[in-house]
N, C-alpha and C. Protein backbone atom coordinates (compact mmCIF):
# COMPACT_ATOMS: atom_id res chain seq x y z
N MET A 1 0.90 -1.37 0.03
CA MET A 1 -0.20 0.16 0.04
C MET A 1 0.69 1.39 -0.17
N THR A 2 0.46 2.25 -0.78
CA THR A 2 1.40 3.33 -0.72
C THR A 2 0.37 4.85 -0.71
N GLU A 3 0.50 5.84 -0.12
CA GLU A 3 -0.28 7.00 -0.49
C GLU A 3 0.43 7.89 -1.11
N GLN A 4 -0.24 8.44 -2.14
CA GLN A 4 0.04 9.36 -3.49
C GLN A 4 -0.64 10.39 -3.60
N ARG A 5 -0.17 11.71 -4.07
CA ARG A 5 -0.72 12.68 -4.23
C ARG A 5 -1.47 12.86 -5.61
N ILE A 6 -2.76 12.31 -5.55
CA ILE A 6 -3.48 12.35 -7.14
C ILE A 6 -4.10 13.61 -7.91
N TRP A 7 -4.67 14.25 -6.63
CA TRP A 7 -5.53 15.20 -7.24
C TRP A 7 -4.70 16.76 -6.69
N ASP A 8 -4.54 17.42 -8.00
CA ASP A 8 -3.57 18.74 -7.40
C ASP A 8 -4.40 19.86 -6.77
N LEU A 9 -4.39 20.98 -6.25
CA LEU A 9 -4.91 21.73 -5.34
C LEU A 9 -6.06 22.51 -6.02
N PRO A 10 -5.43 22.97 -7.56
CA PRO A 10 -6.28 23.91 -8.42
C PRO A 10 -7.97 22.91 -8.81
N LEU A 11 -7.32 21.82 -9.16
CA LEU A 11 -8.50 21.03 -9.52
C LEU A 11 -9.43 20.49 -8.40
N ARG A 12 -8.88 20.67 -7.24
CA ARG A 12 -9.98 20.35 -6.14
C ARG A 12 -10.49 21.79 -5.94
N VAL A 13 -10.11 22.84 -5.97
CA VAL A 13 -10.67 24.01 -5.71
C VAL A 13 -11.89 24.02 -6.99
N PHE A 14 -11.34 23.89 -7.92
CA PHE A 14 -12.40 23.63 -9.21
C PHE A 14 -13.71 22.98 -8.75
N HIS A 15 -13.23 21.61 -8.62
CA HIS A 15 -14.55 20.67 -7.94
C HIS A 15 -15.43 21.17 -7.08
N TRP A 16 -14.79 21.58 -5.72
CA TRP A 16 -15.93 22.33 -4.84
C TRP A 16 -16.55 23.72 -5.14
N SER A 17 -15.76 24.27 -6.26
CA SER A 17 -16.16 25.74 -6.10
C SER A 17 -17.48 25.38 -7.32
N LEU A 18 -17.47 24.25 -8.54
CA LEU A 18 -18.27 23.86 -9.34
C LEU A 18 -19.60 23.35 -8.37
N ALA A 19 -19.18 22.75 -7.50
CA ALA A 19 -20.41 22.05 -6.91
C ALA A 19 -21.08 23.07 -5.94
N LEU A 20 -20.63 23.99 -5.38
CA LEU A 20 -21.13 24.63 -4.65
C LEU A 20 -21.80 26.15 -5.75
N SER A 21 -21.19 26.51 -6.68
CA SER A 21 -21.90 27.01 -7.86
C SER A 21 -23.33 26.38 -8.16
N VAL A 22 -22.92 25.01 -8.63
CA VAL A 22 -24.39 24.46 -9.23
C VAL A 22 -25.13 24.48 -8.03
N ILE A 23 -25.05 24.41 -7.02
CA ILE A 23 -25.99 24.03 -5.94
C ILE A 23 -26.76 25.42 -5.38
N LEU A 24 -26.11 26.51 -5.67
CA LEU A 24 -26.50 28.00 -5.53
C LEU A 24 -27.46 28.18 -6.65
N ALA A 25 -27.05 27.60 -7.89
CA ALA A 25 -27.46 28.08 -9.18
C ALA A 25 -29.09 27.51 -9.11
N VAL A 26 -28.93 26.16 -8.40
CA VAL A 26 -30.55 25.72 -8.42
C VAL A 26 -31.33 26.33 -7.31
N ILE A 27 -31.00 26.49 -6.35
CA ILE A 27 -31.58 27.34 -5.02
C ILE A 27 -32.11 28.59 -5.59
N THR A 28 -31.29 29.55 -6.35
CA THR A 28 -31.82 30.43 -6.88
C THR A 28 -32.70 30.64 -7.87
N ALA A 29 -32.56 29.29 -8.94
CA ALA A 29 -33.70 29.61 -9.63
C ALA A 29 -34.91 29.17 -8.94
N ARG A 30 -34.82 28.45 -8.10
CA ARG A 30 -36.11 27.94 -7.85
C ARG A 30 -36.53 29.07 -6.61
N THR A 31 -35.89 29.81 -6.26
CA THR A 31 -36.64 31.20 -5.21
C THR A 31 -36.95 32.04 -6.56
N GLY A 32 -36.34 32.18 -7.51
CA GLY A 32 -37.06 33.32 -8.47
C GLY A 32 -36.82 34.85 -8.06
N GLY A 33 -37.65 35.72 -8.54
CA GLY A 33 -37.71 37.21 -8.12
C GLY A 33 -36.31 37.71 -8.03
N ASN A 34 -35.83 38.67 -6.86
CA ASN A 34 -34.43 39.25 -6.98
C ASN A 34 -33.18 38.05 -6.77
N ALA A 35 -33.47 37.13 -6.65
CA ALA A 35 -32.43 35.90 -6.51
C ALA A 35 -32.06 35.88 -7.98
N MET A 36 -32.64 36.00 -8.94
CA MET A 36 -32.30 35.66 -10.45
C MET A 36 -31.36 36.19 -10.81
N GLU A 37 -30.96 37.73 -10.20
CA GLU A 37 -29.48 38.40 -10.56
C GLU A 37 -28.54 37.53 -9.96
N TRP A 38 -28.47 36.74 -8.72
CA TRP A 38 -27.44 35.68 -8.40
C TRP A 38 -27.77 34.55 -9.09
N HIS A 39 -28.32 34.21 -9.73
CA HIS A 39 -28.54 32.99 -10.43
C HIS A 39 -27.99 33.43 -11.93
N MET A 40 -27.87 34.50 -12.24
CA MET A 40 -27.11 34.49 -13.52
C MET A 40 -25.59 34.90 -13.31
N ARG A 41 -25.46 35.30 -12.37
CA ARG A 41 -23.86 35.88 -11.86
C ARG A 41 -23.36 34.24 -11.41
N LEU A 42 -23.89 33.41 -11.05
CA LEU A 42 -23.64 32.10 -10.54
C LEU A 42 -23.49 31.29 -12.06
N GLY A 43 -24.49 31.63 -12.90
CA GLY A 43 -24.23 31.17 -14.25
C GLY A 43 -22.99 31.44 -15.12
N TYR A 44 -22.79 32.74 -14.72
CA TYR A 44 -21.20 33.30 -15.46
C TYR A 44 -20.08 32.36 -14.55
N ALA A 45 -20.14 32.22 -13.25
CA ALA A 45 -19.39 31.62 -12.53
C ALA A 45 -18.99 30.06 -12.81
N VAL A 46 -20.04 29.54 -13.11
CA VAL A 46 -19.97 28.08 -13.92
C VAL A 46 -19.29 28.28 -15.24
N LEU A 47 -19.53 28.95 -15.82
CA LEU A 47 -19.14 29.14 -17.28
C LEU A 47 -17.48 29.39 -17.16
N THR A 48 -17.27 30.38 -16.12
CA THR A 48 -15.43 30.50 -15.78
C THR A 48 -15.00 29.15 -15.39
N LEU A 49 -15.54 28.52 -14.65
CA LEU A 49 -14.93 27.29 -14.25
C LEU A 49 -14.84 26.25 -15.40
N LEU A 50 -15.90 26.32 -15.93
CA LEU A 50 -15.57 25.44 -17.44
C LEU A 50 -14.75 25.77 -17.89
N PHE A 51 -14.63 26.87 -18.44
CA PHE A 51 -13.65 26.91 -19.44
C PHE A 51 -12.08 27.04 -18.71
N TRP A 52 -11.87 27.01 -17.52
CA TRP A 52 -10.75 26.55 -16.66
C TRP A 52 -10.59 25.00 -16.56
N ARG A 53 -11.58 24.25 -16.50
CA ARG A 53 -11.46 23.10 -16.76
C ARG A 53 -10.96 22.74 -18.07
N LEU A 54 -11.54 23.18 -19.24
CA LEU A 54 -11.13 22.49 -20.45
C LEU A 54 -10.00 22.79 -20.70
N ALA A 55 -9.02 24.08 -20.48
CA ALA A 55 -7.85 24.30 -20.24
C ALA A 55 -6.74 23.34 -19.46
N TRP A 56 -7.37 22.94 -18.18
CA TRP A 56 -6.68 22.08 -17.33
C TRP A 56 -6.61 20.72 -17.73
N GLY A 57 -7.61 20.36 -18.45
CA GLY A 57 -7.58 18.99 -18.75
C GLY A 57 -6.33 18.91 -19.58
N PHE A 58 -5.51 19.99 -20.26
CA PHE A 58 -4.39 19.48 -20.89
C PHE A 58 -3.30 20.15 -20.36
N VAL A 59 -3.12 21.08 -19.27
CA VAL A 59 -1.79 21.56 -18.81
C VAL A 59 -1.67 21.25 -17.30
N GLY A 60 -2.73 20.61 -16.91
CA GLY A 60 -2.59 20.29 -15.31
C GLY A 60 -2.16 19.17 -15.05
N GLY A 61 -2.22 18.73 -13.50
CA GLY A 61 -1.54 17.76 -12.84
C GLY A 61 -1.89 16.67 -13.80
N HIS A 62 -0.95 15.56 -13.63
CA HIS A 62 -1.16 14.03 -14.34
C HIS A 62 -2.51 13.51 -14.34
N TRP A 63 -2.88 13.62 -13.24
CA TRP A 63 -4.28 12.79 -13.16
C TRP A 63 -5.60 13.81 -13.27
N SER A 64 -5.23 15.06 -13.61
CA SER A 64 -6.45 15.95 -13.92
C SER A 64 -6.33 16.34 -15.54
N ARG A 65 -5.33 15.49 -16.32
CA ARG A 65 -5.62 15.82 -17.68
C ARG A 65 -6.50 14.82 -18.33
N PHE A 66 -7.15 15.35 -19.21
CA PHE A 66 -8.25 14.46 -20.09
C PHE A 66 -7.61 12.91 -20.64
N ALA A 67 -6.00 12.97 -21.04
CA ALA A 67 -5.50 12.17 -21.19
C ALA A 67 -5.16 11.13 -20.12
N ALA A 68 -5.70 11.02 -18.95
CA ALA A 68 -5.10 10.28 -18.02
C ALA A 68 -6.91 9.62 -17.75
N TRP A 69 -7.68 10.28 -18.32
CA TRP A 69 -9.16 9.45 -18.35
C TRP A 69 -9.39 8.09 -18.71
N PRO A 70 -9.74 7.00 -18.16
CA PRO A 70 -9.64 5.97 -18.85
C PRO A 70 -11.04 5.64 -19.55
N LEU A 71 -11.42 6.51 -20.37
CA LEU A 71 -12.90 6.29 -20.89
C LEU A 71 -12.96 4.93 -21.66
N TRP A 72 -11.86 4.47 -22.40
CA TRP A 72 -12.05 3.09 -23.07
C TRP A 72 -11.29 1.89 -22.77
N ALA A 73 -11.20 1.96 -21.18
CA ALA A 73 -10.59 0.82 -20.66
C ALA A 73 -11.37 -0.17 -20.33
N ARG A 74 -11.29 -1.43 -20.31
CA ARG A 74 -12.40 -2.52 -20.08
C ARG A 74 -12.08 -2.98 -18.63
N VAL A 75 -12.95 -2.73 -17.93
CA VAL A 75 -13.25 -3.24 -16.40
C VAL A 75 -13.60 -4.73 -16.31
N ARG A 76 -12.88 -5.16 -15.67
CA ARG A 76 -13.29 -6.97 -15.17
C ARG A 76 -14.42 -6.73 -14.12
N ARG A 77 -15.27 -7.75 -14.06
CA ARG A 77 -16.13 -7.60 -13.06
C ARG A 77 -15.88 -8.58 -11.95
N SER A 78 -15.36 -8.45 -10.65
CA SER A 78 -15.27 -9.57 -9.77
C SER A 78 -15.37 -8.91 -8.43
N ALA A 79 -15.87 -9.48 -7.39
CA ALA A 79 -15.99 -9.75 -6.17
C ALA A 79 -14.83 -9.17 -5.47
N SER A 80 -13.73 -9.90 -6.00
CA SER A 80 -12.39 -9.81 -5.11
C SER A 80 -11.62 -8.31 -5.62
N ALA A 81 -11.39 -8.16 -4.42
CA ALA A 81 -10.42 -6.64 -4.40
C ALA A 81 -9.13 -6.83 -5.01
N GLU A 82 -8.68 -7.90 -4.73
CA GLU A 82 -7.36 -8.18 -5.22
C GLU A 82 -7.33 -8.31 -6.86
N SER A 83 -8.31 -8.83 -7.36
CA SER A 83 -8.30 -8.86 -8.86
C SER A 83 -8.86 -7.86 -9.89
N ARG A 84 -9.64 -6.90 -8.52
CA ARG A 84 -10.36 -5.84 -9.15
C ARG A 84 -9.31 -4.84 -9.73
N PRO A 85 -9.19 -4.24 -11.06
CA PRO A 85 -8.43 -3.38 -11.92
C PRO A 85 -8.40 -1.76 -10.80
N GLU A 86 -7.33 -1.47 -10.48
CA GLU A 86 -7.08 0.10 -9.99
C GLU A 86 -6.66 0.99 -10.58
N PHE A 87 -8.01 2.33 -10.47
CA PHE A 87 -7.45 3.57 -11.24
C PHE A 87 -7.16 4.89 -10.27
N PRO A 88 -5.77 5.00 -10.18
CA PRO A 88 -5.59 6.08 -9.31
C PRO A 88 -6.67 7.00 -9.07
N GLY A 89 -6.91 7.58 -10.70
CA GLY A 89 -7.65 8.89 -10.79
C GLY A 89 -9.05 8.17 -11.12
N HIS A 90 -9.69 8.93 -12.15
CA HIS A 90 -11.16 8.71 -12.22
C HIS A 90 -11.07 6.96 -12.96
N SER A 91 -12.13 6.28 -12.33
CA SER A 91 -12.19 5.07 -13.11
C SER A 91 -13.17 5.16 -14.26
N PRO A 92 -13.20 4.29 -15.36
CA PRO A 92 -13.68 4.18 -16.28
C PRO A 92 -15.15 4.98 -16.34
N ARG A 93 -15.76 4.45 -15.47
CA ARG A 93 -17.40 5.08 -15.42
C ARG A 93 -17.19 6.40 -14.72
N GLY A 94 -16.33 6.22 -13.65
CA GLY A 94 -16.30 7.70 -13.20
C GLY A 94 -16.13 9.02 -13.97
N ALA A 95 -15.01 8.49 -15.39
CA ALA A 95 -14.47 9.44 -16.28
C ALA A 95 -15.74 9.84 -17.07
N TRP A 96 -16.57 9.11 -17.46
CA TRP A 96 -17.83 9.23 -18.18
C TRP A 96 -18.80 9.76 -17.46
N ALA A 97 -19.25 9.63 -16.35
CA ALA A 97 -19.99 10.20 -15.55
C ALA A 97 -19.63 11.91 -15.19
N SER A 98 -18.40 12.14 -15.20
CA SER A 98 -17.54 13.58 -15.23
C SER A 98 -17.65 14.09 -16.51
N ALA A 99 -17.42 13.47 -17.55
CA ALA A 99 -17.51 14.00 -18.56
C ALA A 99 -18.81 14.47 -19.08
N GLY A 100 -19.79 13.54 -18.77
CA GLY A 100 -21.29 13.69 -19.15
C GLY A 100 -21.99 15.00 -18.06
N LEU A 101 -21.44 15.20 -16.87
CA LEU A 101 -21.88 16.18 -16.00
C LEU A 101 -21.10 17.52 -16.50
N LEU A 102 -20.02 17.72 -17.02
CA LEU A 102 -19.36 18.80 -17.63
C LEU A 102 -20.32 19.34 -18.67
N VAL A 103 -20.42 18.35 -19.34
CA VAL A 103 -21.47 18.66 -20.76
C VAL A 103 -22.50 19.09 -20.45
N LEU A 104 -23.45 18.58 -19.54
CA LEU A 104 -24.82 19.16 -19.23
C LEU A 104 -24.70 20.45 -18.44
N VAL A 105 -23.93 20.46 -17.85
CA VAL A 105 -23.97 21.54 -17.11
C VAL A 105 -23.27 23.02 -17.77
N GLY A 106 -22.41 22.55 -18.72
CA GLY A 106 -21.87 23.59 -20.00
C GLY A 106 -23.18 23.90 -20.64
N LEU A 107 -24.10 22.84 -21.19
CA LEU A 107 -25.18 23.14 -21.90
C LEU A 107 -26.02 24.32 -21.09
N GLN A 108 -26.22 23.88 -19.98
CA GLN A 108 -27.36 24.54 -19.23
C GLN A 108 -26.87 25.99 -18.88
N ALA A 109 -25.78 26.24 -18.82
CA ALA A 109 -25.07 27.66 -18.78
C ALA A 109 -25.02 28.32 -20.26
N LEU A 110 -24.85 27.75 -21.34
CA LEU A 110 -24.79 28.25 -22.41
C LEU A 110 -26.55 28.66 -23.01
N THR A 111 -27.12 27.63 -22.77
CA THR A 111 -28.48 28.08 -23.01
C THR A 111 -29.20 29.29 -22.06
N GLY A 112 -28.80 29.39 -21.03
CA GLY A 112 -28.86 30.51 -20.31
C GLY A 112 -28.66 31.73 -20.66
N LEU A 113 -27.57 31.95 -21.44
CA LEU A 113 -26.93 33.28 -21.93
C LEU A 113 -27.93 33.65 -22.82
N VAL A 114 -28.80 32.65 -23.63
CA VAL A 114 -30.10 33.16 -24.45
C VAL A 114 -31.34 32.75 -24.18
N ALA A 115 -31.45 32.40 -23.05
CA ALA A 115 -32.73 32.22 -22.45
C ALA A 115 -33.74 33.36 -22.19
N ASP A 116 -34.67 33.63 -22.31
CA ASP A 116 -35.48 34.67 -22.00
C ASP A 116 -37.05 34.42 -21.43
N ASP A 117 -37.33 34.68 -20.02
CA ASP A 117 -38.63 33.95 -19.53
C ASP A 117 -39.52 34.71 -19.68
N GLU A 118 -39.42 36.05 -20.88
CA GLU A 118 -40.41 37.17 -21.02
C GLU A 118 -41.04 37.61 -20.28
N ILE A 119 -40.45 37.84 -18.74
CA ILE A 119 -40.98 38.43 -17.58
C ILE A 119 -40.02 39.29 -17.22
N ALA A 120 -39.07 39.06 -16.45
CA ALA A 120 -38.33 40.01 -16.16
C ALA A 120 -36.49 39.48 -16.27
N THR A 121 -36.35 38.40 -16.32
CA THR A 121 -34.93 38.17 -16.59
C THR A 121 -34.90 37.30 -18.30
N ALA A 122 -33.69 37.75 -18.98
CA ALA A 122 -32.92 37.79 -20.09
C ALA A 122 -31.67 37.28 -19.94
N GLY A 123 -31.22 36.33 -20.79
CA GLY A 123 -29.64 36.60 -20.67
C GLY A 123 -29.17 37.31 -21.53
N PRO A 124 -27.82 37.52 -21.27
CA PRO A 124 -27.25 38.85 -22.17
C PRO A 124 -27.13 38.42 -23.67
N TRP A 125 -27.44 37.10 -24.46
CA TRP A 125 -27.20 37.28 -25.76
C TRP A 125 -28.51 37.00 -26.15
N ALA A 126 -29.73 36.98 -25.46
CA ALA A 126 -31.18 36.56 -25.82
C ALA A 126 -31.84 37.56 -27.00
N ALA A 127 -31.26 38.97 -26.89
CA ALA A 127 -31.80 40.09 -27.85
C ALA A 127 -30.99 39.87 -29.23
N GLY A 128 -29.88 39.49 -29.06
CA GLY A 128 -28.97 38.95 -30.32
C GLY A 128 -29.29 38.02 -31.14
N VAL A 129 -30.18 37.19 -30.76
CA VAL A 129 -30.77 35.90 -31.49
C VAL A 129 -31.88 35.71 -31.96
N ASP A 130 -32.40 34.73 -32.84
CA ASP A 130 -33.52 34.79 -33.26
C ASP A 130 -34.67 34.36 -32.59
N ALA A 131 -35.56 34.62 -32.12
CA ALA A 131 -36.78 34.60 -31.26
C ALA A 131 -36.99 33.29 -31.13
N GLN A 132 -36.82 32.28 -32.15
CA GLN A 132 -37.06 31.03 -32.10
C GLN A 132 -35.88 30.32 -31.55
N TRP A 133 -34.90 30.48 -31.70
CA TRP A 133 -33.62 29.86 -30.95
C TRP A 133 -33.71 30.28 -29.49
N SER A 134 -34.34 31.26 -29.20
CA SER A 134 -34.28 31.37 -27.90
C SER A 134 -35.24 31.14 -27.05
N ALA A 135 -36.06 30.64 -27.72
CA ALA A 135 -37.53 29.96 -27.24
C ALA A 135 -37.46 28.46 -26.92
N LEU A 136 -36.17 27.80 -27.86
CA LEU A 136 -35.88 26.53 -27.77
C LEU A 136 -34.75 26.35 -26.51
N ALA A 137 -34.02 27.45 -26.50
CA ALA A 137 -33.11 27.46 -25.50
C ALA A 137 -33.57 27.46 -24.11
N THR A 138 -34.93 28.36 -24.01
CA THR A 138 -35.51 28.91 -22.82
C THR A 138 -36.30 27.72 -22.43
N ASN A 139 -36.53 26.66 -23.39
CA ASN A 139 -37.26 25.76 -22.85
C ASN A 139 -36.70 24.59 -22.29
N TYR A 140 -35.37 24.54 -23.35
CA TYR A 140 -34.34 23.50 -22.58
C TYR A 140 -33.97 23.92 -21.28
N HIS A 141 -33.50 25.09 -21.20
CA HIS A 141 -33.05 25.53 -19.63
C HIS A 141 -33.72 25.45 -18.45
N HIS A 142 -35.10 25.68 -18.83
CA HIS A 142 -36.39 25.32 -17.57
C HIS A 142 -36.60 24.49 -17.34
N GLY A 143 -36.63 23.47 -18.72
CA GLY A 143 -37.28 22.08 -18.52
C GLY A 143 -36.06 21.09 -18.45
N LEU A 144 -35.71 20.22 -19.58
CA LEU A 144 -35.26 19.04 -19.82
C LEU A 144 -33.94 19.16 -19.20
N GLY A 145 -33.28 20.23 -19.55
CA GLY A 145 -31.57 20.63 -19.11
C GLY A 145 -31.62 20.57 -17.76
N GLN A 146 -32.50 20.96 -16.96
CA GLN A 146 -32.28 21.37 -15.38
C GLN A 146 -32.55 19.76 -14.84
N TRP A 147 -33.09 18.91 -15.32
CA TRP A 147 -33.74 17.67 -15.00
C TRP A 147 -32.56 16.66 -15.25
N LEU A 148 -32.02 16.80 -16.72
CA LEU A 148 -30.51 16.21 -16.71
C LEU A 148 -29.49 16.64 -15.81
N VAL A 149 -29.12 17.79 -15.24
CA VAL A 149 -28.53 18.04 -14.82
C VAL A 149 -28.67 17.41 -13.33
N LEU A 150 -29.61 17.61 -12.84
CA LEU A 150 -30.21 17.08 -11.23
C LEU A 150 -30.05 15.76 -11.37
N GLY A 151 -30.46 15.08 -12.29
CA GLY A 151 -30.09 13.62 -12.46
C GLY A 151 -28.89 13.21 -12.13
N MET A 152 -28.13 13.86 -13.24
CA MET A 152 -26.66 13.62 -13.03
C MET A 152 -25.98 13.41 -11.59
N ILE A 153 -26.39 14.76 -11.02
CA ILE A 153 -26.09 15.11 -9.92
C ILE A 153 -26.52 14.00 -8.64
N ALA A 154 -27.72 13.24 -8.74
CA ALA A 154 -28.22 12.44 -8.02
C ALA A 154 -27.33 11.38 -8.61
N LEU A 155 -26.89 10.81 -9.65
CA LEU A 155 -26.56 9.57 -9.80
C LEU A 155 -24.82 9.68 -9.14
N HIS A 156 -24.37 10.81 -9.37
CA HIS A 156 -23.13 11.09 -8.91
C HIS A 156 -23.15 11.02 -7.26
N LEU A 157 -24.04 11.50 -6.59
CA LEU A 157 -23.91 11.08 -5.14
C LEU A 157 -24.02 9.64 -4.93
N LEU A 158 -24.88 8.90 -5.57
CA LEU A 158 -25.36 7.57 -5.49
C LEU A 158 -23.93 6.80 -5.48
N ALA A 159 -23.13 7.10 -6.63
CA ALA A 159 -22.10 6.45 -6.73
C ALA A 159 -20.88 6.84 -5.75
N LEU A 160 -21.12 8.04 -5.34
CA LEU A 160 -20.02 8.35 -4.21
C LEU A 160 -20.23 7.48 -2.85
N SER A 161 -21.73 7.48 -2.74
CA SER A 161 -22.29 6.77 -1.40
C SER A 161 -21.73 5.41 -1.83
N TYR A 162 -21.91 4.56 -2.72
CA TYR A 162 -21.71 2.96 -2.81
C TYR A 162 -20.29 3.13 -2.67
N TYR A 163 -19.43 3.90 -3.36
CA TYR A 163 -17.73 4.09 -3.37
C TYR A 163 -17.54 4.37 -1.73
N THR A 164 -18.31 4.98 -0.69
CA THR A 164 -18.03 5.31 0.39
C THR A 164 -18.14 4.05 1.19
N TRP A 165 -19.43 3.49 1.47
CA TRP A 165 -20.07 2.41 2.27
C TRP A 165 -19.56 1.01 1.91
N VAL A 166 -19.53 0.86 0.53
CA VAL A 166 -19.56 -0.55 -0.14
C VAL A 166 -18.07 -0.62 -0.41
N ARG A 167 -17.47 -0.07 -1.08
CA ARG A 167 -15.93 -0.13 -1.36
C ARG A 167 -14.97 0.49 -0.54
N ARG A 168 -15.46 1.25 0.41
CA ARG A 168 -14.50 1.54 1.33
C ARG A 168 -13.71 2.35 1.03
N GLU A 169 -14.04 3.62 -0.28
CA GLU A 169 -12.92 4.16 -0.50
C GLU A 169 -13.00 5.42 -0.48
N ALA A 170 -12.13 6.23 0.04
CA ALA A 170 -12.38 7.81 0.84
C ALA A 170 -12.14 8.76 -0.22
N LEU A 171 -13.37 8.85 -1.41
CA LEU A 171 -13.38 9.87 -2.28
C LEU A 171 -13.39 11.06 -2.16
N VAL A 172 -14.07 11.32 -1.09
CA VAL A 172 -14.79 12.60 -0.71
C VAL A 172 -13.09 13.58 0.06
N ALA A 173 -12.60 12.38 1.04
CA ALA A 173 -11.50 13.13 1.35
C ALA A 173 -10.10 13.17 0.49
N ALA A 174 -10.06 12.25 -0.41
CA ALA A 174 -9.16 12.54 -1.67
C ALA A 174 -9.49 13.49 -2.34
N MET A 175 -10.67 14.53 -2.26
CA MET A 175 -10.83 15.74 -2.95
C MET A 175 -10.45 16.74 -2.33
N VAL A 176 -10.47 16.52 -0.99
CA VAL A 176 -10.24 17.41 -0.13
C VAL A 176 -8.56 17.59 0.17
N HIS A 177 -7.91 16.54 0.38
CA HIS A 177 -6.41 16.92 0.46
C HIS A 177 -5.62 16.21 -0.47
N GLY A 178 -6.35 15.56 -1.49
CA GLY A 178 -5.76 15.05 -2.74
C GLY A 178 -5.03 13.95 -2.65
N ARG A 179 -4.72 13.14 -1.59
CA ARG A 179 -4.03 12.01 -1.44
C ARG A 179 -5.01 10.78 -1.60
N LYS A 180 -4.71 9.71 -2.33
CA LYS A 180 -4.98 8.55 -2.16
C LYS A 180 -4.31 7.36 -1.75
N VAL A 181 -4.85 6.32 -1.22
CA VAL A 181 -3.67 5.32 -1.01
C VAL A 181 -4.08 4.22 -1.56
N LEU A 182 -3.13 3.71 -2.61
CA LEU A 182 -3.17 2.59 -3.66
C LEU A 182 -2.57 1.54 -3.27
N ARG A 183 -3.04 0.47 -3.92
CA ARG A 183 -2.15 -1.01 -3.90
C ARG A 183 -0.82 -0.84 -4.53
N ARG A 184 -0.60 0.05 -5.41
CA ARG A 184 0.62 0.00 -5.94
C ARG A 184 0.99 1.50 -6.43
N ALA A 185 2.32 1.75 -6.83
CA ALA A 185 2.73 2.90 -7.06
C ALA A 185 2.07 3.40 -8.28
N ALA A 186 2.24 4.59 -8.31
CA ALA A 186 1.18 5.32 -9.44
C ALA A 186 1.97 6.85 -9.74
N PRO A 187 2.06 7.13 -11.07
CA PRO A 187 2.48 8.65 -11.13
C PRO A 187 2.06 9.74 -10.53
N ASP A 188 2.96 10.75 -9.94
CA ASP A 188 2.52 11.67 -8.81
C ASP A 188 1.69 12.77 -9.74
N SER A 189 0.88 13.48 -9.38
CA SER A 189 0.34 14.48 -9.93
C SER A 189 1.14 15.82 -10.07
N GLY A 190 1.81 15.79 -9.44
CA GLY A 190 2.32 17.32 -9.20
C GLY A 190 1.27 18.15 -8.61
N ASP A 191 2.18 19.14 -7.65
CA ASP A 191 1.05 20.02 -7.30
C ASP A 191 1.80 21.30 -6.53
N GLY A 192 2.99 21.46 -7.38
CA GLY A 192 3.82 22.49 -6.78
C GLY A 192 3.43 23.95 -7.16
N ALA A 193 4.36 24.70 -6.55
CA ALA A 193 3.90 26.10 -6.58
C ALA A 193 3.91 26.76 -8.11
N LYS A 194 4.55 26.25 -9.18
CA LYS A 194 4.33 26.48 -10.65
C LYS A 194 3.05 26.38 -11.23
N LEU A 195 2.65 25.01 -10.72
CA LEU A 195 1.33 24.54 -11.21
C LEU A 195 0.28 25.02 -10.66
N ARG A 196 0.25 25.40 -9.36
CA ARG A 196 -0.67 26.24 -8.50
C ARG A 196 -0.50 27.60 -9.18
N ALA A 197 0.27 28.22 -9.65
CA ALA A 197 0.66 29.93 -10.09
C ALA A 197 -0.21 29.55 -11.59
N LEU A 198 -0.02 28.54 -12.38
CA LEU A 198 -0.38 28.20 -13.67
C LEU A 198 -1.82 28.31 -13.41
N GLY A 199 -2.42 27.19 -12.59
CA GLY A 199 -4.27 27.45 -12.29
C GLY A 199 -4.50 28.62 -12.05
N LEU A 200 -4.12 29.40 -11.24
CA LEU A 200 -4.48 30.88 -10.89
C LEU A 200 -4.50 31.99 -12.04
N LEU A 201 -3.41 31.59 -12.89
CA LEU A 201 -3.59 32.42 -13.97
C LEU A 201 -4.53 32.14 -15.11
N LEU A 202 -4.72 31.00 -15.22
CA LEU A 202 -5.89 30.21 -16.28
C LEU A 202 -7.24 30.93 -15.79
N GLY A 203 -7.29 30.58 -14.26
CA GLY A 203 -8.73 31.02 -13.60
C GLY A 203 -8.65 32.71 -14.09
N LEU A 204 -7.78 33.43 -13.83
CA LEU A 204 -8.03 34.97 -14.27
C LEU A 204 -8.11 35.01 -15.94
N CYS A 205 -7.71 34.38 -16.76
CA CYS A 205 -8.20 34.22 -18.27
C CYS A 205 -9.30 33.99 -18.32
N SER A 206 -10.02 32.69 -17.65
CA SER A 206 -10.92 32.35 -17.94
C SER A 206 -12.07 33.39 -17.54
N LEU A 207 -12.03 34.07 -16.31
CA LEU A 207 -13.11 34.85 -15.97
C LEU A 207 -13.09 36.25 -16.78
N ALA A 208 -11.71 36.76 -17.41
CA ALA A 208 -11.79 37.64 -18.41
C ALA A 208 -12.64 37.49 -19.47
N MET A 209 -12.51 36.14 -20.07
CA MET A 209 -12.95 35.70 -21.22
C MET A 209 -14.44 35.58 -20.91
N VAL A 210 -15.41 35.30 -19.80
CA VAL A 210 -16.51 34.99 -19.64
C VAL A 210 -16.96 36.63 -19.58
N LEU A 211 -16.39 37.37 -18.67
CA LEU A 211 -16.59 38.81 -18.67
C LEU A 211 -16.89 39.32 -19.89
N LEU A 212 -15.89 39.00 -21.01
CA LEU A 212 -16.02 39.80 -22.30
C LEU A 212 -17.23 39.37 -23.06
N LEU A 213 -17.36 38.06 -22.64
CA LEU A 213 -18.52 37.43 -23.62
C LEU A 213 -19.82 38.04 -23.36
N VAL A 214 -19.95 38.34 -21.82
CA VAL A 214 -21.44 38.62 -21.34
C VAL A 214 -21.51 40.12 -21.60
N SER A 215 -20.58 40.76 -21.88
CA SER A 215 -20.61 42.44 -21.88
C SER A 215 -20.97 42.64 -23.23
């Protein structure tokens, strides 16, 4: 058994920031009224985080990169922990779930840019697109889109509960301190000052890009 750093600090900050932003966005959408101003700000925050994650998937720590996602790995089914394949980062199912969640959250944020409830709230791009496209985006954003996101969140929580209580893997703790206990050594993610500075720089660039887009 060996303990190694798998998740770098920038990725951990992204993970919890995205979770908090999505939860608050759902709450403010349900609240309505003046809370919709915060709902839109949270949508911009989600877009900023997604732009950042897209870049970090190519330049981040080893296990943060998309190249490390075992999307096409074949998983043997076995009740034996010794014969079960070990994935230091995402498992194949976890990688697909993460990709699906990022895509659905991204679609929800992008459709919000052109959505218009025709009452008091309209996205910053709503006036610049054809009314029919805005209506389609609005229907998706208020209907199917939000239920798909909520469904993926529920699936994520169920999988997390399974791994925590059945498989006895401390995934939540690993996303807090970044370390995992592995049966065999694996490449270290890297989490030095230069990597963290790069993460901060990309965060500022992502924020500037979103502010430019919505202005």
